[in-house]
PDB file of N, CA and C in Angstrom:
ATOM      1  N   MET A   1      -1.469  -4.043  27.906  1.00  0.00           N
ATOM      2  CA  MET A   1      -2.018  -3.720  26.533  1.00  0.00           C
ATOM      3  C   MET A   1      -1.471  -4.776  25.576  1.00  0.00           C
ATOM      4  N   LYS A   2      -2.429  -5.079  24.618  1.00  0.00           N
ATOM      5  CA  LYS A   2      -2.309  -6.009  23.758  1.00  0.00           C
ATOM      6  C   LYS A   2      -2.340  -5.519  22.314  1.00  0.00           C
ATOM      7  N   ILE A   3      -1.195  -5.455  21.516  1.00  0.00           N
ATOM      8  CA  ILE A   3      -0.916  -4.984  20.163  1.00  0.00           C
ATOM      9  C   ILE A   3      -1.041  -6.273  19.251  1.00  0.00           C
ATOM     10  N   GLU A   4      -1.775  -6.085  18.166  1.00  0.00           N
ATOM     11  CA  GLU A   4      -1.778  -7.138  17.196  1.00  0.00           C
ATOM     12  C   GLU A   4      -1.549  -6.680  15.727  1.00  0.00           C
ATOM     13  N   ILE A   5      -0.667  -7.249  15.087  1.00  0.00           N
ATOM     14  CA  ILE A   5      -0.189  -6.804  13.618  1.00  0.00           C
ATOM     15  C   ILE A   5      -0.999  -7.808  12.862  1.00  0.00           C
ATOM     16  N   LEU A   6      -1.868  -7.396  12.153  1.00  0.00           N
ATOM     17  CA  LEU A   6      -2.869  -8.120  11.138  1.00  0.00           C
ATOM     18  C   LEU A   6      -2.125  -8.290   9.661  1.00  0.00           C
ATOM     19  N   GLY A   7      -1.741  -9.399   9.351  1.00  0.00           N
ATOM     20  CA  GLY A   7      -1.222  -9.525   8.014  1.00  0.00           C
ATOM     21  C   GLY A   7      -0.574 -10.794   7.885  1.00  0.00           C
ATOM     22  N   ILE A   8      -0.336 -11.057   6.695  1.00  0.00           N
ATOM     23  CA  ILE A   8       0.297 -12.564   6.384  1.00  0.00           C
ATOM     24  C   ILE A   8       1.805 -12.690   6.499  1.00  0.00           C
ATOM     25  N   GLY A   9       2.512 -11.857   6.877  1.00  0.00           N
ATOM     26  CA  GLY A   9       3.868 -11.758   6.942  1.00  0.00           C
ATOM     27  C   GLY A   9       4.654 -11.292   5.827  1.00  0.00           C
ATOM     28  N   CYS A  10       3.917 -10.427   4.919  1.00  0.00           N
ATOM     29  CA  CYS A  10       4.724  -9.660   3.919  1.00  0.00           C
ATOM     30  C   CYS A  10       5.724  -8.611   4.487  1.00  0.00           C
ATOM     31  N   PRO A  11       6.550  -8.189   3.806  1.00  0.00           N
ATOM     32  CA  PRO A  11       7.569  -7.024   4.216  1.00  0.00           C
ATOM     33  C   PRO A  11       6.851  -5.844   4.904  1.00  0.00           C
ATOM     34  N   LYS A  12       5.846  -5.474   4.494  1.00  0.00           N
ATOM     35  CA  LYS A  12       5.140  -4.218   5.128  1.00  0.00           C
ATOM     36  C   LYS A  12       4.638  -4.868   6.520  1.00  0.00           C
ATOM     37  N   CYS A  13       4.124  -6.037   6.685  1.00  0.00           N
ATOM     38  CA  CYS A  13       3.816  -6.423   8.087  1.00  0.00           C
ATOM     39  C   CYS A  13       4.870  -6.718   8.972  1.00  0.00           C
ATOM     40  N   LYS A  14       6.098  -7.058   8.553  1.00  0.00           N
ATOM     41  CA  LYS A  14       7.232  -7.199   9.397  1.00  0.00           C
ATOM     42  C   LYS A  14       7.800  -5.790   9.728  1.00  0.00           C
ATOM     43  N   GLN A  15       7.588  -4.837   8.849  1.00  0.00           N
ATOM     44  CA  GLN A  15       8.036  -3.534   9.086  1.00  0.00           C
ATOM     45  C   GLN A  15       7.261  -2.682  10.252  1.00  0.00           C
ATOM     46  N   LEU A  16       5.955  -2.980  10.079  1.00  0.00           N
ATOM     47  CA  LEU A  16       4.966  -2.492  11.110  1.00  0.00           C
ATOM     48  C   LEU A  16       5.284  -3.198  12.314  1.00  0.00           C
ATOM     49  N   THR A  17       5.505  -4.413  12.488  1.00  0.00           N
ATOM     50  CA  THR A  17       5.720  -5.029  13.972  1.00  0.00           C
ATOM     51  C   THR A  17       7.161  -4.643  14.194  1.00  0.00           C
ATOM     52  N   ALA A  18       8.146  -4.235  13.618  1.00  0.00           N
ATOM     53  CA  ALA A  18       9.310  -3.831  14.056  1.00  0.00           C
ATOM     54  C   ALA A  18       9.080  -2.276  14.474  1.00  0.00           C
ATOM     55  N   ASN A  19       8.219  -1.547  13.948  1.00  0.00           N
ATOM     56  CA  ASN A  19       8.130   0.039  14.317  1.00  0.00           C
ATOM     57  C   ASN A  19       7.235  -0.386  15.695  1.00  0.00           C
ATOM     58  N   ALA A  20       6.172  -1.165  15.639  1.00  0.00           N
ATOM     59  CA  ALA A  20       5.368  -1.313  16.855  1.00  0.00           C
ATOM     60  C   ALA A  20       6.463  -1.578  18.210  1.00  0.00           C
ATOM     61  N   GLU A  21       7.371  -2.723  18.032  1.00  0.00           N
ATOM     62  CA  GLU A  21       8.426  -2.965  18.836  1.00  0.00           C
ATOM     63  C   GLU A  21       9.139  -1.835  19.308  1.00  0.00           C
ATOM     64  N   GLU A  22       9.627  -0.983  18.433  1.00  0.00           N
ATOM     65  CA  GLU A  22      10.372   0.227  18.691  1.00  0.00           C
ATOM     66  C   GLU A  22       9.726   1.175  19.816  1.00  0.00           C
ATOM     67  N   ALA A  23       8.343   1.433  19.141  1.00  0.00           N
ATOM     68  CA  ALA A  23       7.354   2.475  19.714  1.00  0.00           C
ATOM     69  C   ALA A  23       7.315   2.006  21.492  1.00  0.00           C
ATOM     70  N   VAL A  24       6.978   0.618  21.756  1.00  0.00           N
ATOM     71  CA  VAL A  24       6.658   0.173  22.889  1.00  0.00           C
ATOM     72  C   VAL A  24       7.974   0.353  23.899  1.00  0.00           C
ATOM     73  N   LYS A  25       9.018  -0.006  23.256  1.00  0.00           N
ATOM     74  CA  LYS A  25      10.522   0.118  23.857  1.00  0.00           C
ATOM     75  C   LYS A  25      10.694   1.495  24.205  1.00  0.00           C
ATOM     76  N   GLU A  26      10.538   2.616  23.276  1.00  0.00           N
ATOM     77  CA  GLU A  26      10.657   3.946  23.444  1.00  0.00           C
ATOM     78  C   GLU A  26       9.657   4.475  24.649  1.00  0.00           C
ATOM     79  N   LEU A  27       8.618   4.122  24.714  1.00  0.00           N
ATOM     80  CA  LEU A  27       7.511   4.518  25.580  1.00  0.00           C
ATOM     81  C   LEU A  27       7.542   3.727  26.738  1.00  0.00           C
ATOM     82  N   ASN A  28       8.583   2.920  26.953  1.00  0.00           N
ATOM     83  CA  ASN A  28       8.862   2.118  28.214  1.00  0.00           C
ATOM     84  C   ASN A  28       7.386   1.648  28.721  1.00  0.00           C
ATOM     85  N   ILE A  29       6.474   0.831  27.852  1.00  0.00           N
ATOM     86  CA  ILE A  29       5.157   0.393  28.334  1.00  0.00           C
ATOM     87  C   ILE A  29       5.256  -0.921  28.350  1.00  0.00           C
ATOM     88  N   GLN A  30       4.407  -1.786  28.950  1.00  0.00           N
ATOM     89  CA  GLN A  30       4.182  -3.094  29.060  1.00  0.00           C
ATOM     90  C   GLN A  30       3.449  -3.517  28.131  1.00  0.00           C
ATOM     91  N   ALA A  31       3.426  -4.163  27.086  1.00  0.00           N
ATOM     92  CA  ALA A  31       2.611  -4.210  25.849  1.00  0.00           C
ATOM     93  C   ALA A  31       3.069  -5.915  25.320  1.00  0.00           C
ATOM     94  N   GLU A  32       2.183  -6.627  25.095  1.00  0.00           N
ATOM     95  CA  GLU A  32       2.233  -7.977  24.344  1.00  0.00           C
ATOM     96  C   GLU A  32       2.031  -7.821  22.742  1.00  0.00           C
ATOM     97  N   ILE A  33       2.892  -7.937  21.925  1.00  0.00           N
ATOM     98  CA  ILE A  33       3.071  -7.746  20.658  1.00  0.00           C
ATOM     99  C   ILE A  33       2.707  -9.191  19.865  1.00  0.00           C
ATOM    100  N   GLY A  34       1.690  -9.146  19.309  1.00  0.00           N
ATOM    101  CA  GLY A  34       1.298 -10.671  18.672  1.00  0.00           C
ATOM    102  C   GLY A  34       0.985 -10.208  17.179  1.00  0.00           C
ATOM    103  N   LYS A  35       0.898 -11.534  16.427  1.00  0.00           N
ATOM    104  CA  LYS A  35       0.621 -11.614  14.692  1.00  0.00           C
ATOM    105  C   LYS A  35      -0.434 -12.220  14.779  1.00  0.00           C
ATOM    106  N   VAL A  36      -1.481 -11.740  13.783  1.00  0.00           N
ATOM    107  CA  VAL A  36      -2.704 -12.479  13.328  1.00  0.00           C
ATOM    108  C   VAL A  36      -2.200 -12.529  11.865  1.00  0.00           C
ATOM    109  N   MET A  37      -2.179 -13.859  11.585  1.00  0.00           N
ATOM    110  CA  MET A  37      -1.700 -14.278  10.054  1.00  0.00           C
ATOM    111  C   MET A  37      -2.861 -15.135   9.413  1.00  0.00           C
ATOM    112  N   ASP A  38      -3.817 -15.436  10.135  1.00  0.00           N
ATOM    113  CA  ASP A  38      -5.096 -16.062   9.585  1.00  0.00           C
ATOM    114  C   ASP A  38      -5.826 -15.097   8.979  1.00  0.00           C
ATOM    115  N   ILE A  39      -6.026 -15.570   7.452  1.00  0.00           N
ATOM    116  CA  ILE A  39      -6.925 -14.378   6.697  1.00  0.00           C
ATOM    117  C   ILE A  39      -8.431 -14.226   7.320  1.00  0.00           C
ATOM    118  N   ASP A  40      -8.925 -15.486   7.797  1.00  0.00           N
ATOM    119  CA  ASP A  40     -10.361 -15.337   8.207  1.00  0.00           C
ATOM    120  C   ASP A  40     -10.297 -14.548   9.642  1.00  0.00           C
ATOM    121  N   LYS A  41      -9.321 -14.522  10.240  1.00  0.00           N
ATOM    122  CA  LYS A  41      -9.278 -13.980  11.508  1.00  0.00           C
ATOM    123  C   LYS A  41      -9.006 -12.168  11.203  1.00  0.00           C
ATOM    124  N   ILE A  42      -8.281 -11.834  10.223  1.00  0.00           N
ATOM    125  CA  ILE A  42      -7.937 -10.552   9.671  1.00  0.00           C
ATOM    126  C   ILE A  42      -9.299  -9.739   9.337  1.00  0.00           C
ATOM    127  N   THR A  43     -10.050 -10.793   8.407  1.00  0.00           N
ATOM    128  CA  THR A  43     -11.382 -10.285   8.075  1.00  0.00           C
ATOM    129  C   THR A  43     -12.377 -10.062   9.051  1.00  0.00           C
ATOM    130  N   GLU A  44     -12.245 -10.836   9.998  1.00  0.00           N
ATOM    131  CA  GLU A  44     -13.217 -10.679  11.033  1.00  0.00           C
ATOM    132  C   GLU A  44     -12.967  -9.601  11.845  1.00  0.00           C
ATOM    133  N   TYR A  45     -11.714  -8.886  11.925  1.00  0.00           N
ATOM    134  CA  TYR A  45     -11.464  -7.398  12.469  1.00  0.00           C
ATOM    135  C   TYR A  45     -11.955  -6.362  11.552  1.00  0.00           C
ATOM    136  N   GLY A  46     -12.327  -6.845  10.266  1.00  0.00           N
ATOM    137  CA  GLY A  46     -12.883  -5.697   9.416  1.00  0.00           C
ATOM    138  C   GLY A  46     -11.820  -5.213   8.548  1.00  0.00           C
ATOM    139  N   VAL A  47     -10.713  -5.797   8.503  1.00  0.00           N
ATOM    140  CA  VAL A  47      -9.444  -5.319   7.759  1.00  0.00           C
ATOM    141  C   VAL A  47      -9.446  -5.888   6.400  1.00  0.00           C
ATOM    142  N   MET A  48      -9.553  -5.306   5.245  1.00  0.00           N
ATOM    143  CA  MET A  48      -9.439  -5.621   4.027  1.00  0.00           C
ATOM    144  C   MET A  48      -8.074  -5.391   3.321  1.00  0.00           C
ATOM    145  N   MET A  49      -7.164  -4.555   3.782  1.00  0.00           N
ATOM    146  CA  MET A  49      -6.142  -4.196   3.286  1.00  0.00           C
ATOM    147  C   MET A  49      -4.935  -4.300   4.489  1.00  0.00           C
ATOM    148  N   THR A  50      -3.770  -4.931   4.350  1.00  0.00           N
ATOM    149  CA  THR A  50      -2.993  -5.322   5.450  1.00  0.00           C
ATOM    150  C   THR A  50      -1.846  -4.298   4.982  1.00  0.00           C
ATOM    151  N   PRO A  51      -1.030  -4.037   6.177  1.00  0.00           N
ATOM    152  CA  PRO A  51      -1.077  -4.494   7.446  1.00  0.00           C
ATOM    153  C   PRO A  51      -2.094  -3.799   8.006  1.00  0.00           C
ATOM    154  N   GLY A  52      -2.439  -4.262   9.132  1.00  0.00           N
ATOM    155  CA  GLY A  52      -3.319  -3.666  10.089  1.00  0.00           C
ATOM    156  C   GLY A  52      -2.713  -3.760  11.482  1.00  0.00           C
ATOM    157  N   LEU A  53      -3.242  -2.701  12.279  1.00  0.00           N
ATOM    158  CA  LEU A  53      -3.003  -2.520  13.753  1.00  0.00           C
ATOM    159  C   LEU A  53      -3.875  -2.714  14.520  1.00  0.00           C
ATOM    160  N   ALA A  54      -3.868  -3.499  15.625  1.00  0.00           N
ATOM    161  CA  ALA A  54      -5.074  -3.491  16.549  1.00  0.00           C
ATOM    162  C   ALA A  54      -4.323  -3.331  17.972  1.00  0.00           C
ATOM    163  N   VAL A  55      -5.152  -2.431  18.739  1.00  0.00           N
ATOM    164  CA  VAL A  55      -4.750  -2.436  20.041  1.00  0.00           C
ATOM    165  C   VAL A  55      -5.834  -2.664  20.965  1.00  0.00           C
ATOM    166  N   ASP A  56      -5.453  -3.575  21.789  1.00  0.00           N
ATOM    167  CA  ASP A  56      -6.583  -4.187  22.585  1.00  0.00           C
ATOM    168  C   ASP A  56      -8.109  -4.387  22.131  1.00  0.00           C
ATOM    169  N   GLY A  57      -7.814  -5.065  20.861  1.00  0.00           N
ATOM    170  CA  GLY A  57      -9.165  -5.478  20.203  1.00  0.00           C
ATOM    171  C   GLY A  57      -9.623  -4.768  19.124  1.00  0.00           C
ATOM    172  N   LYS A  58      -9.088  -3.391  19.220  1.00  0.00           N
ATOM    173  CA  LYS A  58      -9.698  -2.396  18.266  1.00  0.00           C
ATOM    174  C   LYS A  58      -8.632  -2.032  17.220  1.00  0.00           C
ATOM    175  N   VAL A  59      -9.203  -1.943  15.699  1.00  0.00           N
ATOM    176  CA  VAL A  59      -8.415  -1.765  14.751  1.00  0.00           C
ATOM    177  C   VAL A  59      -7.953  -0.044  14.660  1.00  0.00           C
ATOM    178  N   VAL A  60      -6.843   0.160  14.894  1.00  0.00           N
ATOM    179  CA  VAL A  60      -6.587   1.563  14.801  1.00  0.00           C
ATOM    180  C   VAL A  60      -5.992   2.057  13.372  1.00  0.00           C
ATOM    181  N   SER A  61      -5.559   1.056  12.447  1.00  0.00           N
ATOM    182  CA  SER A  61      -4.877   1.552  11.188  1.00  0.00           C
ATOM    183  C   SER A  61      -5.010   0.231  10.380  1.00  0.00           C
ATOM    184  N   SER A  62      -5.222   0.508   9.273  1.00  0.00           N
ATOM    185  CA  SER A  62      -5.171  -0.693   8.232  1.00  0.00           C
ATOM    186  C   SER A  62      -4.579  -0.046   6.772  1.00  0.00           C
ATOM    187  N   GLY A  63      -3.752  -1.085   6.074  1.00  0.00           N
ATOM    188  CA  GLY A  63      -3.429  -0.714   4.711  1.00  0.00           C
ATOM    189  C   GLY A  63      -2.308   0.220   4.862  1.00  0.00           C
ATOM    190  N   LYS A  64      -1.647   0.522   5.924  1.00  0.00           N
ATOM    191  CA  LYS A  64      -0.540   1.593   6.052  1.00  0.00           C
ATOM    192  C   LYS A  64       0.582   0.977   7.087  1.00  0.00           C
ATOM    193  N   VAL A  65       1.737   1.043   6.769  1.00  0.00           N
ATOM    194  CA  VAL A  65       2.826   0.830   7.688  1.00  0.00           C
ATOM    195  C   VAL A  65       3.034   2.375   8.346  1.00  0.00           C
ATOM    196  N   LEU A  66       2.616   2.094   9.775  1.00  0.00           N
ATOM    197  CA  LEU A  66       2.661   3.376  10.415  1.00  0.00           C
ATOM    198  C   LEU A  66       4.120   3.498  10.871  1.00  0.00           C
ATOM    199  N   ASN A  67       4.690   4.697  11.122  1.00  0.00           N
ATOM    200  CA  ASN A  67       5.985   4.730  11.533  1.00  0.00           C
ATOM    201  C   ASN A  67       5.940   4.597  13.116  1.00  0.00           C
ATOM    202  N   LYS A  68       7.256   4.735  13.771  1.00  0.00           N
ATOM    203  CA  LYS A  68       7.268   4.587  15.139  1.00  0.00           C
ATOM    204  C   LYS A  68       6.554   5.664  15.846  1.00  0.00           C
ATOM    205  N   ASN A  69       6.698   7.018  15.306  1.00  0.00           N
ATOM    206  CA  ASN A  69       6.007   7.862  16.025  1.00  0.00           C
ATOM    207  C   ASN A  69       4.654   7.902  16.050  1.00  0.00           C
ATOM    208  N   GLU A  70       3.836   7.714  14.716  1.00  0.00           N
ATOM    209  CA  GLU A  70       2.771   7.594  14.632  1.00  0.00           C
ATOM    210  C   GLU A  70       2.064   6.442  15.758  1.00  0.00           C
ATOM    211  N   ILE A  71       2.665   5.438  15.878  1.00  0.00           N
ATOM    212  CA  ILE A  71       2.321   4.155  16.703  1.00  0.00           C
ATOM    213  C   ILE A  71       2.438   4.958  18.254  1.00  0.00           C
ATOM    214  N   LYS A  72       3.307   5.504  18.577  1.00  0.00           N
ATOM    215  CA  LYS A  72       3.585   5.927  19.792  1.00  0.00           C
ATOM    216  C   LYS A  72       2.535   7.061  20.166  1.00  0.00           C
ATOM    217  N   THR A  73       2.197   7.913  19.370  1.00  0.00           N
ATOM    218  CA  THR A  73       0.845   8.829  19.455  1.00  0.00           C
ATOM    219  C   THR A  73      -0.297   7.911  19.819  1.00  0.00           C
ATOM    220  N   ILE A  74      -0.520   6.837  18.998  1.00  0.00           N
ATOM    221  CA  ILE A  74      -1.790   6.018  19.216  1.00  0.00           C
ATOM    222  C   ILE A  74      -1.673   5.274  20.626  1.00  0.00           C
ATOM    223  N   LEU A  75      -0.486   4.807  20.938  1.00  0.00           N
ATOM    224  CA  LEU A  75      -0.467   4.107  22.129  1.00  0.00           C
ATOM    225  C   LEU A  75      -0.367   4.940  23.265  1.00  0.00           C
ATOM    226  N   SER A  76      -0.091   6.382  23.314  1.00  0.00           N
ATOM    227  CA  SER A  76      -0.025   7.092  24.310  1.00  0.00           C
ATOM    228  C   SER A  76      -1.419   7.833  24.324  1.00  0.00           C
ATOM    229  N   GLY A  77      -2.508   7.271  23.574  1.00  0.00           N
ATOM    230  CA  GLY A  77      -3.835   8.150  23.718  1.00  0.00           C
ATOM    231  C   GLY A  77      -3.970   9.120  22.948  1.00  0.00           C
ATOM    232  N   GLY A  78      -3.043   9.462  21.872  1.00  0.00           N
ATOM    233  CA  GLY A  78      -3.067  10.610  21.235  1.00  0.00           C
ATOM    234  C   GLY A  78      -4.114  10.747  19.944  1.00  0.00           C
ATOM    235  N   GLY A  79      -4.812   9.243  19.763  1.00  0.00           N
ATOM    236  CA  GLY A  79      -5.799   9.111  18.699  1.00  0.00           C
ATOM    237  C   GLY A  79      -5.485   8.007  17.718  1.00  0.00           C
ATOM    238  N   CYS A  80      -6.313   8.145  16.838  1.00  0.00           N
ATOM    239  CA  CYS A  80      -6.348   6.806  15.934  1.00  0.00           C
ATOM    240  C   CYS A  80      -5.953   7.446  14.554  1.00  0.00           C
ATOM    241  N   GLU A  81      -5.575   6.314  13.630  1.00  0.00           N
ATOM    242  CA  GLU A  81      -5.167   6.911  12.403  1.00  0.00           C
ATOM    243  C   GLU A  81      -6.343   6.899  11.430  1.00  0.00           C
ATOM    244  N   LYS A  82      -6.487   8.175  10.758  1.00  0.00           N
ATOM    245  CA  LYS A  82      -7.459   8.509  10.088  1.00  0.00           C
ATOM    246  C   LYS A  82      -7.600   7.655   8.816  1.00  0.00           C
ATOM    247  N   ASN A  83      -8.724   7.213   8.113  1.00  0.00           N
ATOM    248  CA  ASN A  83      -8.336   6.656   6.767  1.00  0.00           C
ATOM    249  C   ASN A  83      -8.609   7.536   5.800  1.00  0.00           C
ATOM    250  N   ASN A  84      -8.761   7.204   4.484  1.00  0.00           N
ATOM    251  CA  ASN A  84      -8.967   8.079   3.394  1.00  0.00           C
ATOM    252  C   ASN A  84      -9.840   8.927   3.276  1.00  0.00           C
ATOM    253  N   SER A  85     -10.994   8.799   4.154  1.00  0.00           N
ATOM    254  CA  SER A  85     -12.094   9.881   4.140  1.00  0.00           C
ATOM    255  C   SER A  85     -12.116  10.710   5.260  1.00  0.00           C
ATOM    256  N   GLY A  86     -11.042  10.512   5.953  1.00  0.00           N
ATOM    257  CA  GLY A  86     -10.753  11.403   6.877  1.00  0.00           C
ATOM    258  C   GLY A  86     -11.326  10.880   8.439  1.00  0.00           C
ATOM    259  N   SER A  87     -11.914   9.812   8.320  1.00  0.00           N
ATOM    260  CA  SER A  87     -12.653   9.356   9.566  1.00  0.00           C
ATOM    261  C   SER A  87     -11.692   8.152   9.981  1.00  0.00           C
ATOM    262  N   CYS A  88     -11.943   8.062  11.459  1.00  0.00           N
ATOM    263  CA  CYS A  88     -11.054   6.899  12.203  1.00  0.00           C
ATOM    264  C   CYS A  88     -11.660   5.465  11.851  1.00  0.00           C
ATOM    265  N   GLY A  89     -10.665   4.679  11.638  1.00  0.00           N
ATOM    266  CA  GLY A  89     -11.023   3.223  11.217  1.00  0.00           C
ATOM    267  C   GLY A  89     -11.610   2.513  12.478  1.00  0.00           C
ATOM    268  N   CYS A  90     -11.416   3.000  13.703  1.00  0.00           N
ATOM    269  CA  CYS A  90     -11.597   2.523  14.742  1.00  0.00           C
ATOM    270  C   CYS A  90     -12.991   2.749  15.578  1.00  0.00           C
ATOM    271  N   CYS A  91     -13.042   4.308  15.549  1.00  0.00           N
ATOM    272  CA  CYS A  91     -14.085   4.860  16.402  1.00  0.00           C
ATOM    273  C   CYS A  91     -15.039   5.733  15.532  1.00  0.00           C
ATOM    274  N   GLY A  92     -14.689   5.997  14.265  1.00  0.00           N
ATOM    275  CA  GLY A  92     -15.624   6.735  13.411  1.00  0.00           C
ATOM    276  C   GLY A  92     -15.264   8.273  13.517  1.00  0.00           C
ATOM    277  N   ASN A  93     -14.554   8.749  14.560  1.00  0.00           N
ATOM    278  CA  ASN A  93     -13.994  10.112  14.389  1.00  0.00           C
ATOM    279  C   ASN A  93     -13.442  10.717  13.359  1.00  0.00           C
TER     280      ASN A  93
END
């Protein structure tokens, strides 16, 4: 599993990274956590508000610092993070 934190290194991005690391550790799963800090690459993902979280190339959250439990739910297949309109940012559900 590849997890990417999309952001320019702001405090919120750093907190999301820490939360993702904790979630991976608690779930005891194999995952590579990387950072995408290039603004052009971030916008290629369709993320206009950081931080963003992508799992295996799909954006599952943007503009919000997910807590550890929210990330654990996403990583364990429990769903995506809904946006303000109530639909998922990655699959539209």
